[in-house]
Amino acid sequence: FPSSRFKLLKNVTDEQLAKVAIRLNGYALRW
C-alpha cells in the first residue's frame, strides 16, 4: 500500500518509513 494513504506516513523521509517492524505476533506494523 502507498504510504500516502496514512497521515503520519505521508510526509516522513524514506529512512523513517523504512524503520517499520512487525509487532503483536504479526497482527500489526509499528514505526
PDB file of all heavy atoms in Angstrom:
ATOM      1  N   PHE A   1       0.848  -1.188   0.000  1.00  0.00           N
ATOM      2  CA  PHE A   1       0.000   0.000   0.000  1.00  0.00           C
ATOM      3  C   PHE A   1       0.882   1.237   0.000  1.00  0.00           C
ATOM      4  O   PHE A   1       1.991   1.224   0.536  1.00  0.00           O
ATOM      5  CB  PHE A   1      -0.956  -0.004   1.202  1.00  0.00           C
ATOM      6  CG  PHE A   1      -0.280   0.063   2.540  1.00  0.00           C
ATOM      7  CD1 PHE A   1      -0.008   1.274   3.157  1.00  0.00           C
ATOM      8  CD2 PHE A   1       0.087  -1.102   3.198  1.00  0.00           C
ATOM      9  CE1 PHE A   1       0.612   1.332   4.386  1.00  0.00           C
ATOM     10  CE2 PHE A   1       0.707  -1.067   4.431  1.00  0.00           C
ATOM     11  CZ  PHE A   1       0.970   0.162   5.035  1.00  0.00           C
ATOM     12  N   PRO A   2       0.405   2.331  -0.602  1.00  0.00           N
ATOM     13  CA  PRO A   2       1.184   3.570  -0.614  1.00  0.00           C
ATOM     14  C   PRO A   2       1.195   4.214   0.767  1.00  0.00           C
ATOM     15  O   PRO A   2       0.155   4.300   1.435  1.00  0.00           O
ATOM     16  CB  PRO A   2       0.461   4.461  -1.617  1.00  0.00           C
ATOM     17  CG  PRO A   2      -0.756   3.738  -2.054  1.00  0.00           C
ATOM     18  CD  PRO A   2      -0.822   2.429  -1.366  1.00  0.00           C
ATOM     19  N   SER A   3       2.352   4.668   1.186  1.00  0.00           N
ATOM     20  CA  SER A   3       2.457   5.337   2.485  1.00  0.00           C
ATOM     21  C   SER A   3       1.602   6.596   2.526  1.00  0.00           C
ATOM     22  O   SER A   3       1.184   7.030   3.600  1.00  0.00           O
ATOM     23  CB  SER A   3       3.910   5.676   2.796  1.00  0.00           C
ATOM     24  OG  SER A   3       4.453   6.530   1.810  1.00  0.00           O
ATOM     25  N   SER A   4       1.292   7.157   1.384  1.00  0.00           N
ATOM     26  CA  SER A   4       0.488   8.378   1.319  1.00  0.00           C
ATOM     27  C   SER A   4      -0.963   8.162   1.752  1.00  0.00           C
ATOM     28  O   SER A   4      -1.723   9.124   1.865  1.00  0.00           O
ATOM     29  CB  SER A   4       0.508   8.946  -0.104  1.00  0.00           C
ATOM     30  OG  SER A   4      -0.054   8.017  -1.015  1.00  0.00           O
ATOM     31  N   ARG A   5      -1.364   6.930   2.039  1.00  0.00           N
ATOM     32  CA  ARG A   5      -2.732   6.650   2.482  1.00  0.00           C
ATOM     33  C   ARG A   5      -2.896   6.860   3.992  1.00  0.00           C
ATOM     34  O   ARG A   5      -4.002   6.747   4.516  1.00  0.00           O
ATOM     35  CB  ARG A   5      -3.124   5.217   2.127  1.00  0.00           C
ATOM     36  CG  ARG A   5      -3.146   4.893   0.649  1.00  0.00           C
ATOM     37  CD  ARG A   5      -4.155   5.670  -0.164  1.00  0.00           C
ATOM     38  NE  ARG A   5      -5.509   5.546   0.257  1.00  0.00           N
ATOM     39  CZ  ARG A   5      -6.388   4.650  -0.170  1.00  0.00           C
ATOM     40  NH1 ARG A   5      -6.026   3.762  -1.065  1.00  0.00           N
ATOM     41  NH2 ARG A   5      -7.619   4.640   0.284  1.00  0.00           N
ATOM     42  N   PHE A   6      -1.786   7.179   4.705  1.00  0.00           N
ATOM     43  CA  PHE A   6      -1.836   7.406   6.151  1.00  0.00           C
ATOM     44  C   PHE A   6      -1.213   8.758   6.488  1.00  0.00           C
ATOM     45  O   PHE A   6      -0.143   9.102   5.988  1.00  0.00           O
ATOM     46  CB  PHE A   6      -1.113   6.284   6.906  1.00  0.00           C
ATOM     47  CG  PHE A   6      -1.846   4.982   6.837  1.00  0.00           C
ATOM     48  CD1 PHE A   6      -1.564   4.058   5.851  1.00  0.00           C
ATOM     49  CD2 PHE A   6      -2.850   4.692   7.750  1.00  0.00           C
ATOM     50  CE1 PHE A   6      -2.252   2.858   5.771  1.00  0.00           C
ATOM     51  CE2 PHE A   6      -3.551   3.503   7.682  1.00  0.00           C
ATOM     52  CZ  PHE A   6      -3.252   2.579   6.682  1.00  0.00           C
ATOM     53  N   LYS A   7      -1.902   9.505   7.330  1.00  0.00           N
ATOM     54  CA  LYS A   7      -1.489  10.868   7.677  1.00  0.00           C
ATOM     55  C   LYS A   7      -0.045  10.955   8.149  1.00  0.00           C
ATOM     56  O   LYS A   7       0.719  11.782   7.660  1.00  0.00           O
ATOM     57  CB  LYS A   7      -2.413  11.441   8.759  1.00  0.00           C
ATOM     58  CG  LYS A   7      -3.828  11.640   8.305  1.00  0.00           C
ATOM     59  CD  LYS A   7      -4.726  12.063   9.460  1.00  0.00           C
ATOM     60  CE  LYS A   7      -6.181  12.074   9.049  1.00  0.00           C
ATOM     61  NZ  LYS A   7      -7.070  12.373  10.170  1.00  0.00           N
ATOM     62  N   LEU A   8       0.331  10.137   9.117  1.00  0.00           N
ATOM     63  CA  LEU A   8       1.688  10.220   9.675  1.00  0.00           C
ATOM     64  C   LEU A   8       2.758   9.733   8.707  1.00  0.00           C
ATOM     65  O   LEU A   8       3.888  10.207   8.746  1.00  0.00           O
ATOM     66  CB  LEU A   8       1.782   9.423  10.972  1.00  0.00           C
ATOM     67  CG  LEU A   8       1.473  10.188  12.241  1.00  0.00           C
ATOM     68  CD1 LEU A   8       1.460   9.272  13.453  1.00  0.00           C
ATOM     69  CD2 LEU A   8       2.461  11.316  12.464  1.00  0.00           C
ATOM     70  N   LEU A   9       2.428   8.800   7.856  1.00  0.00           N
ATOM     71  CA  LEU A   9       3.427   8.227   6.955  1.00  0.00           C
ATOM     72  C   LEU A   9       3.605   9.035   5.672  1.00  0.00           C
ATOM     73  O   LEU A   9       4.627   8.921   5.007  1.00  0.00           O
ATOM     74  CB  LEU A   9       3.041   6.790   6.590  1.00  0.00           C
ATOM     75  CG  LEU A   9       2.889   5.810   7.745  1.00  0.00           C
ATOM     76  CD1 LEU A   9       2.527   4.431   7.210  1.00  0.00           C
ATOM     77  CD2 LEU A   9       4.147   5.754   8.593  1.00  0.00           C
ATOM     78  N   LYS A  10       2.641   9.837   5.352  1.00  0.00           N
ATOM     79  CA  LYS A  10       2.628  10.557   4.077  1.00  0.00           C
ATOM     80  C   LYS A  10       3.873  11.407   3.840  1.00  0.00           C
ATOM     81  O   LYS A  10       4.431  11.403   2.747  1.00  0.00           O
ATOM     82  CB  LYS A  10       1.374  11.432   3.992  1.00  0.00           C
ATOM     83  CG  LYS A  10       1.228  12.150   2.671  1.00  0.00           C
ATOM     84  CD  LYS A  10      -0.054  12.925   2.607  1.00  0.00           C
ATOM     85  CE  LYS A  10      -0.154  13.611   1.256  1.00  0.00           C
ATOM     86  NZ  LYS A  10      -1.423  14.288   1.078  1.00  0.00           N
ATOM     87  N   ASN A  11       4.323  12.125   4.855  1.00  0.00           N
ATOM     88  CA  ASN A  11       5.408  13.085   4.660  1.00  0.00           C
ATOM     89  C   ASN A  11       6.708  12.731   5.366  1.00  0.00           C
ATOM     90  O   ASN A  11       7.599  13.568   5.455  1.00  0.00           O
ATOM     91  CB  ASN A  11       4.944  14.474   5.102  1.00  0.00           C
ATOM     92  CG  ASN A  11       3.801  14.984   4.249  1.00  0.00           C
ATOM     93  OD1 ASN A  11       3.864  14.917   3.022  1.00  0.00           O
ATOM     94  ND2 ASN A  11       2.751  15.456   4.879  1.00  0.00           N
ATOM     95  N   VAL A  12       6.843  11.498   5.845  1.00  0.00           N
ATOM     96  CA  VAL A  12       8.095  11.117   6.508  1.00  0.00           C
ATOM     97  C   VAL A  12       9.173  10.854   5.464  1.00  0.00           C
ATOM     98  O   VAL A  12       8.886  10.661   4.281  1.00  0.00           O
ATOM     99  CB  VAL A  12       7.903   9.870   7.416  1.00  0.00           C
ATOM    100  CG1 VAL A  12       6.878  10.148   8.498  1.00  0.00           C
ATOM    101  CG2 VAL A  12       7.552   8.649   6.614  1.00  0.00           C
ATOM    102  N   THR A  13      10.417  10.829   5.915  1.00  0.00           N
ATOM    103  CA  THR A  13      11.517  10.536   4.998  1.00  0.00           C
ATOM    104  C   THR A  13      11.505   9.053   4.635  1.00  0.00           C
ATOM    105  O   THR A  13      10.893   8.227   5.327  1.00  0.00           O
ATOM    106  CB  THR A  13      12.873  10.876   5.646  1.00  0.00           C
ATOM    107  OG1 THR A  13      13.090   9.993   6.751  1.00  0.00           O
ATOM    108  CG2 THR A  13      12.921  12.333   6.108  1.00  0.00           C
ATOM    109  N   ASP A  14      12.185   8.707   3.573  1.00  0.00           N
ATOM    110  CA  ASP A  14      12.304   7.302   3.180  1.00  0.00           C
ATOM    111  C   ASP A  14      12.964   6.483   4.290  1.00  0.00           C
ATOM    112  O   ASP A  14      12.588   5.339   4.531  1.00  0.00           O
ATOM    113  CB  ASP A  14      13.108   7.158   1.888  1.00  0.00           C
ATOM    114  CG  ASP A  14      12.374   7.700   0.668  1.00  0.00           C
ATOM    115  OD1 ASP A  14      11.141   7.898   0.745  1.00  0.00           O
ATOM    116  OD2 ASP A  14      13.031   7.912  -0.362  1.00  0.00           O
ATOM    117  N   GLU A  15      13.937   7.087   4.962  1.00  0.00           N
ATOM    118  CA  GLU A  15      14.630   6.403   6.050  1.00  0.00           C
ATOM    119  C   GLU A  15      13.680   6.122   7.219  1.00  0.00           C
ATOM    120  O   GLU A  15      13.712   5.045   7.813  1.00  0.00           O
ATOM    121  CB  GLU A  15      15.826   7.228   6.537  1.00  0.00           C
ATOM    122  CG  GLU A  15      16.957   7.339   5.525  1.00  0.00           C
ATOM    123  CD  GLU A  15      16.685   8.348   4.405  1.00  0.00           C
ATOM    124  OE1 GLU A  15      15.836   9.260   4.571  1.00  0.00           O
ATOM    125  OE2 GLU A  15      17.311   8.199   3.337  1.00  0.00           O
ATOM    126  N   GLN A  16      12.844   7.081   7.562  1.00  0.00           N
ATOM    127  CA  GLN A  16      11.862   6.880   8.633  1.00  0.00           C
ATOM    128  C   GLN A  16      10.842   5.814   8.240  1.00  0.00           C
ATOM    129  O   GLN A  16      10.479   4.973   9.049  1.00  0.00           O
ATOM    130  CB  GLN A  16      11.149   8.189   8.966  1.00  0.00           C
ATOM    131  CG  GLN A  16      12.006   9.195   9.686  1.00  0.00           C
ATOM    132  CD  GLN A  16      11.296  10.528   9.834  1.00  0.00           C
ATOM    133  OE1 GLN A  16      10.783  11.082   8.867  1.00  0.00           O
ATOM    134  NE2 GLN A  16      11.269  11.030  11.059  1.00  0.00           N
ATOM    135  N   LEU A  17      10.387   5.863   7.006  1.00  0.00           N
ATOM    136  CA  LEU A  17       9.396   4.898   6.531  1.00  0.00           C
ATOM    137  C   LEU A  17       9.957   3.472   6.582  1.00  0.00           C
ATOM    138  O   LEU A  17       9.251   2.529   6.936  1.00  0.00           O
ATOM    139  CB  LEU A  17       8.962   5.244   5.104  1.00  0.00           C
ATOM    140  CG  LEU A  17       7.821   4.430   4.531  1.00  0.00           C
ATOM    141  CD1 LEU A  17       6.534   4.645   5.328  1.00  0.00           C
ATOM    142  CD2 LEU A  17       7.613   4.797   3.063  1.00  0.00           C
ATOM    143  N   ALA A  18      11.238   3.329   6.275  1.00  0.00           N
ATOM    144  CA  ALA A  18      11.875   2.013   6.238  1.00  0.00           C
ATOM    145  C   ALA A  18      12.034   1.384   7.619  1.00  0.00           C
ATOM    146  O   ALA A  18      12.268   0.183   7.730  1.00  0.00           O
ATOM    147  CB  ALA A  18      13.225   2.110   5.550  1.00  0.00           C
ATOM    148  N   LYS A  19      11.878   2.169   8.670  1.00  0.00           N
ATOM    149  CA  LYS A  19      12.057   1.658  10.034  1.00  0.00           C
ATOM    150  C   LYS A  19      10.773   1.023  10.571  1.00  0.00           C
ATOM    151  O   LYS A  19      10.377   1.234  11.705  1.00  0.00           O
ATOM    152  CB  LYS A  19      12.523   2.778  10.960  1.00  0.00           C
ATOM    153  CG  LYS A  19      13.913   3.276  10.637  1.00  0.00           C
ATOM    154  CD  LYS A  19      14.325   4.381  11.573  1.00  0.00           C
ATOM    155  CE  LYS A  19      15.693   4.917  11.201  1.00  0.00           C
ATOM    156  NZ  LYS A  19      16.070   6.051  12.063  1.00  0.00           N
ATOM    157  N   VAL A  20      10.144   0.211   9.757  1.00  0.00           N
ATOM    158  CA  VAL A  20       8.902  -0.464  10.126  1.00  0.00           C
ATOM    159  C   VAL A  20       9.243  -1.845  10.675  1.00  0.00           C
ATOM    160  O   VAL A  20      10.193  -2.487  10.229  1.00  0.00           O
ATOM    161  CB  VAL A  20       7.939  -0.560   8.918  1.00  0.00           C
ATOM    162  CG1 VAL A  20       8.568  -1.324   7.770  1.00  0.00           C
ATOM    163  CG2 VAL A  20       6.614  -1.168   9.325  1.00  0.00           C
ATOM    164  N   ALA A  21       8.468  -2.277  11.647  1.00  0.00           N
ATOM    165  CA  ALA A  21       8.657  -3.596  12.258  1.00  0.00           C
ATOM    166  C   ALA A  21       7.311  -4.283  12.435  1.00  0.00           C
ATOM    167  O   ALA A  21       6.269  -3.631  12.511  1.00  0.00           O
ATOM    168  CB  ALA A  21       9.339  -3.443  13.611  1.00  0.00           C
ATOM    169  N   ILE A  22       7.365  -5.591  12.478  1.00  0.00           N
ATOM    170  CA  ILE A  22       6.164  -6.381  12.748  1.00  0.00           C
ATOM    171  C   ILE A  22       6.008  -6.497  14.252  1.00  0.00           C
ATOM    172  O   ILE A  22       6.960  -6.800  14.960  1.00  0.00           O
ATOM    173  CB  ILE A  22       6.275  -7.776  12.113  1.00  0.00           C
ATOM    174  CG1 ILE A  22       6.374  -7.644  10.595  1.00  0.00           C
ATOM    175  CG2 ILE A  22       5.097  -8.649  12.522  1.00  0.00           C
ATOM    176  CD1 ILE A  22       6.691  -8.944   9.903  1.00  0.00           C
ATOM    177  N   ARG A  23       4.802  -6.250  14.742  1.00  0.00           N
ATOM    178  CA  ARG A  23       4.510  -6.340  16.173  1.00  0.00           C
ATOM    179  C   ARG A  23       3.254  -7.170  16.402  1.00  0.00           C
ATOM    180  O   ARG A  23       2.540  -7.512  15.462  1.00  0.00           O
ATOM    181  CB  ARG A  23       4.312  -4.937  16.779  1.00  0.00           C
ATOM    182  CG  ARG A  23       5.553  -4.091  16.780  1.00  0.00           C
ATOM    183  CD  ARG A  23       6.560  -4.632  17.792  1.00  0.00           C
ATOM    184  NE  ARG A  23       7.667  -3.725  17.983  1.00  0.00           N
ATOM    185  CZ  ARG A  23       8.856  -3.862  17.416  1.00  0.00           C
ATOM    186  NH1 ARG A  23       9.072  -4.864  16.618  1.00  0.00           N
ATOM    187  NH2 ARG A  23       9.812  -2.995  17.641  1.00  0.00           N
ATOM    188  N   LEU A  24       2.970  -7.446  17.652  1.00  0.00           N
ATOM    189  CA  LEU A  24       1.777  -8.201  18.073  1.00  0.00           C
ATOM    190  C   LEU A  24       1.647  -9.525  17.320  1.00  0.00           C
ATOM    191  O   LEU A  24       0.581  -9.865  16.797  1.00  0.00           O
ATOM    192  CB  LEU A  24       0.510  -7.358  17.922  1.00  0.00           C
ATOM    193  CG  LEU A  24       0.461  -6.068  18.736  1.00  0.00           C
ATOM    194  CD1 LEU A  24      -0.777  -5.268  18.393  1.00  0.00           C
ATOM    195  CD2 LEU A  24       0.512  -6.389  20.216  1.00  0.00           C
ATOM    196  N   ASN A  25       2.765 -10.246  17.245  1.00  0.00           N
ATOM    197  CA  ASN A  25       2.780 -11.570  16.606  1.00  0.00           C
ATOM    198  C   ASN A  25       2.291 -11.538  15.168  1.00  0.00           C
ATOM    199  O   ASN A  25       1.630 -12.465  14.701  1.00  0.00           O
ATOM    200  CB  ASN A  25       1.971 -12.574  17.420  1.00  0.00           C
ATOM    201  CG  ASN A  25       2.553 -12.797  18.793  1.00  0.00           C
ATOM    202  OD1 ASN A  25       3.763 -12.918  18.934  1.00  0.00           O
ATOM    203  ND2 ASN A  25       1.707 -12.832  19.796  1.00  0.00           N
ATOM    204  N   GLY A  26       2.573 -10.455  14.451  1.00  0.00           N
ATOM    205  CA  GLY A  26       2.217 -10.355  13.038  1.00  0.00           C
ATOM    206  C   GLY A  26       0.914  -9.648  12.750  1.00  0.00           C
ATOM    207  O   GLY A  26       0.540  -9.479  11.596  1.00  0.00           O
ATOM    208  N   TYR A  27       0.221  -9.198  13.790  1.00  0.00           N
ATOM    209  CA  TYR A  27      -1.078  -8.547  13.592  1.00  0.00           C
ATOM    210  C   TYR A  27      -0.976  -7.033  13.373  1.00  0.00           C
ATOM    211  O   TYR A  27      -1.974  -6.397  13.050  1.00  0.00           O
ATOM    212  CB  TYR A  27      -2.008  -8.823  14.778  1.00  0.00           C
ATOM    213  CG  TYR A  27      -2.517 -10.239  14.802  1.00  0.00           C
ATOM    214  CD1 TYR A  27      -1.876 -11.222  15.546  1.00  0.00           C
ATOM    215  CD2 TYR A  27      -3.626 -10.617  14.049  1.00  0.00           C
ATOM    216  CE1 TYR A  27      -2.326 -12.529  15.553  1.00  0.00           C
ATOM    217  CE2 TYR A  27      -4.086 -11.922  14.044  1.00  0.00           C
ATOM    218  CZ  TYR A  27      -3.429 -12.877  14.797  1.00  0.00           C
ATOM    219  OH  TYR A  27      -3.876 -14.173  14.792  1.00  0.00           O
ATOM    220  N   ALA A  28       0.214  -6.460  13.545  1.00  0.00           N
ATOM    221  CA  ALA A  28       0.350  -5.009  13.398  1.00  0.00           C
ATOM    222  C   ALA A  28       1.725  -4.642  12.853  1.00  0.00           C
ATOM    223  O   ALA A  28       2.701  -5.385  13.007  1.00  0.00           O
ATOM    224  CB  ALA A  28       0.126  -4.319  14.737  1.00  0.00           C
ATOM    225  N   LEU A  29       1.783  -3.475  12.220  1.00  0.00           N
ATOM    226  CA  LEU A  29       3.038  -2.870  11.798  1.00  0.00           C
ATOM    227  C   LEU A  29       3.305  -1.695  12.725  1.00  0.00           C
ATOM    228  O   LEU A  29       2.376  -0.984  13.108  1.00  0.00           O
ATOM    229  CB  LEU A  29       2.939  -2.378  10.355  1.00  0.00           C
ATOM    230  CG  LEU A  29       2.519  -3.403   9.312  1.00  0.00           C
ATOM    231  CD1 LEU A  29       2.504  -2.758   7.932  1.00  0.00           C
ATOM    232  CD2 LEU A  29       3.423  -4.618   9.343  1.00  0.00           C
ATOM    233  N   ARG A  30       4.575  -1.480  13.064  1.00  0.00           N
ATOM    234  CA  ARG A  30       4.932  -0.446  14.036  1.00  0.00           C
ATOM    235  C   ARG A  30       6.112   0.375  13.543  1.00  0.00           C
ATOM    236  O   ARG A  30       7.107  -0.171  13.068  1.00  0.00           O
ATOM    237  CB  ARG A  30       5.274  -1.103  15.371  1.00  0.00           C
ATOM    238  CG  ARG A  30       5.875  -0.202  16.410  1.00  0.00           C
ATOM    239  CD  ARG A  30       4.842   0.595  17.106  1.00  0.00           C
ATOM    240  NE  ARG A  30       5.465   1.460  18.121  1.00  0.00           N
ATOM    241  CZ  ARG A  30       4.914   2.513  18.626  1.00  0.00           C
ATOM    242  NH1 ARG A  30       3.699   2.855  18.253  1.00  0.00           N
ATOM    243  NH2 ARG A  30       5.510   3.255  19.510  1.00  0.00           N
ATOM    244  N   TRP A  31       5.971   1.696  13.670  1.00  0.00           N
ATOM    245  CA  TRP A  31       7.051   2.638  13.440  1.00  0.00           C
ATOM    246  C   TRP A  31       7.341   3.296  14.795  1.00  0.00           C
ATOM    247  O   TRP A  31       6.644   4.250  15.188  1.00  0.00           O
ATOM    248  CB  TRP A  31       6.655   3.704  12.416  1.00  0.00           C
ATOM    249  CG  TRP A  31       6.617   3.220  11.002  1.00  0.00           C
ATOM    250  CD1 TRP A  31       7.617   3.359  10.074  1.00  0.00           C
ATOM    251  CD2 TRP A  31       5.549   2.561  10.327  1.00  0.00           C
ATOM    252  NE1 TRP A  31       7.226   2.800   8.882  1.00  0.00           N
ATOM    253  CE2 TRP A  31       5.944   2.301   9.007  1.00  0.00           C
ATOM    254  CE3 TRP A  31       4.271   2.138  10.726  1.00  0.00           C
ATOM    255  CZ2 TRP A  31       5.145   1.667   8.080  1.00  0.00           C
ATOM    256  CZ3 TRP A  31       3.464   1.492   9.800  1.00  0.00           C
ATOM    257  CH2 TRP A  31       3.900   1.272   8.502  1.00  0.00           C
TER     258      TRP A  31
END
